[in-house]
Protein backbone atom coordinates (compact mmCIF):
# COMPACT_ATOMS: atom_id res chain seq x y z
CA MET A 1 52.67 -106.84 72.87
CA LYS A 2 50.54 -105.95 69.88
CA LEU A 3 46.96 -105.02 70.46
CA LEU A 4 45.32 -107.82 68.47
CA THR A 5 47.71 -110.41 70.00
CA HIS A 6 46.73 -109.17 73.46
CA LEU A 7 43.04 -109.37 72.45
CA ARG A 8 43.45 -112.92 71.30
CA LEU A 9 45.30 -114.05 74.43
CA LEU A 10 42.79 -112.45 76.72
CA MET A 11 39.81 -113.94 74.96
CA GLU A 12 41.47 -117.40 74.92
CA SER A 13 42.07 -117.14 78.63
CA GLU A 14 38.34 -116.38 79.11
CA HIS A 15 37.48 -119.44 76.93
CA TYR A 16 35.81 -117.63 74.06
CA SER A 17 35.33 -119.77 70.95
CA GLU A 18 37.81 -119.56 68.12
CA ARG A 19 35.15 -118.24 65.81
CA THR A 20 34.21 -115.42 68.21
CA ILE A 21 37.91 -114.50 68.62
CA ARG A 22 38.33 -114.41 64.88
CA GLN A 23 35.25 -112.23 64.37
CA TYR A 24 36.20 -109.81 67.16
CA LYS A 25 39.76 -109.43 65.76
CA GLY A 26 38.27 -108.78 62.35
CA TRP A 27 36.00 -106.00 63.65
CA ILE A 28 38.79 -104.41 65.66
CA SER A 29 41.20 -104.58 62.76
CA ASP A 30 38.58 -103.02 60.49
CA LEU A 31 38.03 -100.17 63.04
CA ILE A 32 41.75 -99.49 63.17
CA HIS A 33 42.11 -99.52 59.37
CA PHE A 34 39.03 -97.34 58.93
CA HIS A 35 40.77 -94.62 60.95
CA TYR A 36 44.10 -94.94 59.09
CA LYS A 37 45.77 -97.31 61.57
CA ARG A 38 45.31 -95.06 64.63
CA HIS A 39 45.38 -96.70 68.04
CA PRO A 40 41.85 -97.14 69.48
CA LEU A 41 42.80 -95.10 72.58
CA SER A 42 43.34 -92.05 70.37
CA LEU A 43 39.81 -92.33 68.89
CA SER A 44 37.05 -90.18 70.19
CA ASP A 45 33.47 -91.28 70.80
CA ALA A 46 32.43 -89.41 67.63
CA GLU A 47 35.01 -91.30 65.53
CA ILE A 48 33.67 -94.63 66.79
CA ARG A 49 30.14 -93.56 65.99
CA LEU A 50 31.33 -92.51 62.51
CA TYR A 51 32.69 -96.02 61.92
CA LEU A 52 29.43 -97.60 63.04
CA HIS A 53 27.45 -95.12 60.92
CA ALA A 54 29.56 -96.03 57.83
CA LEU A 55 28.90 -99.74 58.47
CA ARG A 56 25.19 -99.15 58.89
CA HIS A 57 24.51 -96.72 56.06
CA TYR A 58 27.24 -97.21 53.46
CA HIS A 59 27.95 -100.92 53.74
CA GLY A 60 24.36 -101.88 54.57
CA LEU A 61 25.22 -104.19 57.46
CA LYS A 62 22.34 -105.99 59.12
CA ARG A 63 21.52 -105.17 62.71
CA TYR A 64 22.90 -108.47 64.09
CA LYS A 65 26.27 -107.80 62.47
CA LEU A 66 26.31 -104.30 63.92
CA ASN A 67 25.54 -105.70 67.36
CA GLN A 68 28.44 -108.07 66.95
CA CYS A 69 30.74 -105.21 65.92
CA GLU A 70 29.58 -103.09 68.85
CA SER A 71 30.20 -105.94 71.27
CA ALA A 72 33.73 -106.35 69.87
CA ILE A 73 34.43 -102.65 70.37
CA LEU A 74 33.01 -102.68 73.90
CA TYR A 75 35.12 -105.78 74.73
CA LEU A 76 38.22 -104.03 73.38
CA TYR A 77 37.81 -100.90 75.38
CA ARG A 78 36.52 -102.46 78.59
CA ASN A 79 38.62 -105.61 78.86
CA VAL A 80 41.76 -105.08 76.72
CA LEU A 81 42.33 -101.37 77.14
CA GLY A 82 40.93 -101.12 80.70
CA LYS A 83 38.35 -98.37 80.15
CA THR A 84 35.65 -100.06 82.25
CA ASP A 85 33.25 -97.10 82.03
CA PHE A 86 33.38 -97.04 78.24
CA VAL A 87 29.96 -96.83 76.44
CA ILE A 88 28.98 -96.25 72.84
CA THR A 89 26.37 -93.52 72.61
CA ASP A 90 24.11 -92.96 69.67
CA GLU A 91 21.03 -90.89 69.95
CA GLN A 92 19.17 -92.46 67.00
CA HIS A 93 20.01 -96.07 67.78
CA PRO A 94 20.80 -96.70 71.48
CA ILE A 95 23.47 -99.35 71.67
CA HIS A 96 23.78 -101.62 74.70
CA SER A 97 21.55 -99.52 76.86
CA PRO A 98 21.86 -100.02 80.61
CA HIS A 99 18.20 -100.90 80.83
CA PRO A 100 16.93 -104.26 79.57
CA VAL A 101 14.95 -104.07 76.32
CA MET A 102 11.54 -105.61 76.35
CA LEU A 103 10.82 -107.47 73.14
CA GLU A 104 7.36 -107.23 71.67
CA THR A 105 5.32 -110.34 71.10
CA GLU A 106 4.31 -111.15 67.60
CA THR A 107 2.15 -108.71 65.77
CA PRO A 108 -1.46 -109.72 65.12
CA SER A 109 -0.82 -109.97 61.35
CA ARG A 110 1.97 -112.53 61.97
CA GLN A 111 -0.21 -114.40 64.45
CA LYS A 112 -2.86 -114.82 61.81
CA ALA A 113 -0.40 -115.94 59.16
CA ARG A 114 1.17 -118.68 61.30
CA PRO A 115 -1.94 -120.86 61.86
CA GLN A 116 -2.78 -120.67 58.16
CA LYS A 117 0.67 -122.02 57.22
CA SER A 118 0.41 -124.87 59.73
CA LYS A 119 -3.06 -125.77 58.31
CA GLN A 120 -1.60 -125.79 54.81
CA ARG A 121 1.23 -128.04 55.95
CA ALA A 122 -1.19 -130.36 57.68
CA ARG A 123 -3.24 -130.67 54.50
CA ALA A 124 -0.10 -131.43 52.52
CA GLY A 125 0.90 -134.09 55.07
CA LEU A 126 3.91 -132.25 56.39
CA SER A 127 4.79 -132.07 60.03
CA VAL A 128 4.58 -128.75 61.80
């Protein structure tokens, strides 16, 4: 069975949305074509990081798209190819770290800006 067909069937059996399946297939297909149609099992960790580096620096992808791409690659290796211990390592930008990331609250400058906007809306008769 072809890799992308197997990916689709597995994701459908796990009740992923059609849109997510389409996006994941697109990212995996792009990874394979980036490395001249080599099978993902033959790719090293450095080659996967090279692909992500190219997306980040040469194609200017936003962080949320990179996260989606990384999730697709992790799903491929862990669920489809059976490498359950697979991780993507990147010293500059840790990806899917095993420890939860604590998000910062709003910065003081943004906190000051928000009430002013709501006051301006209230003066204009707009709802907040």
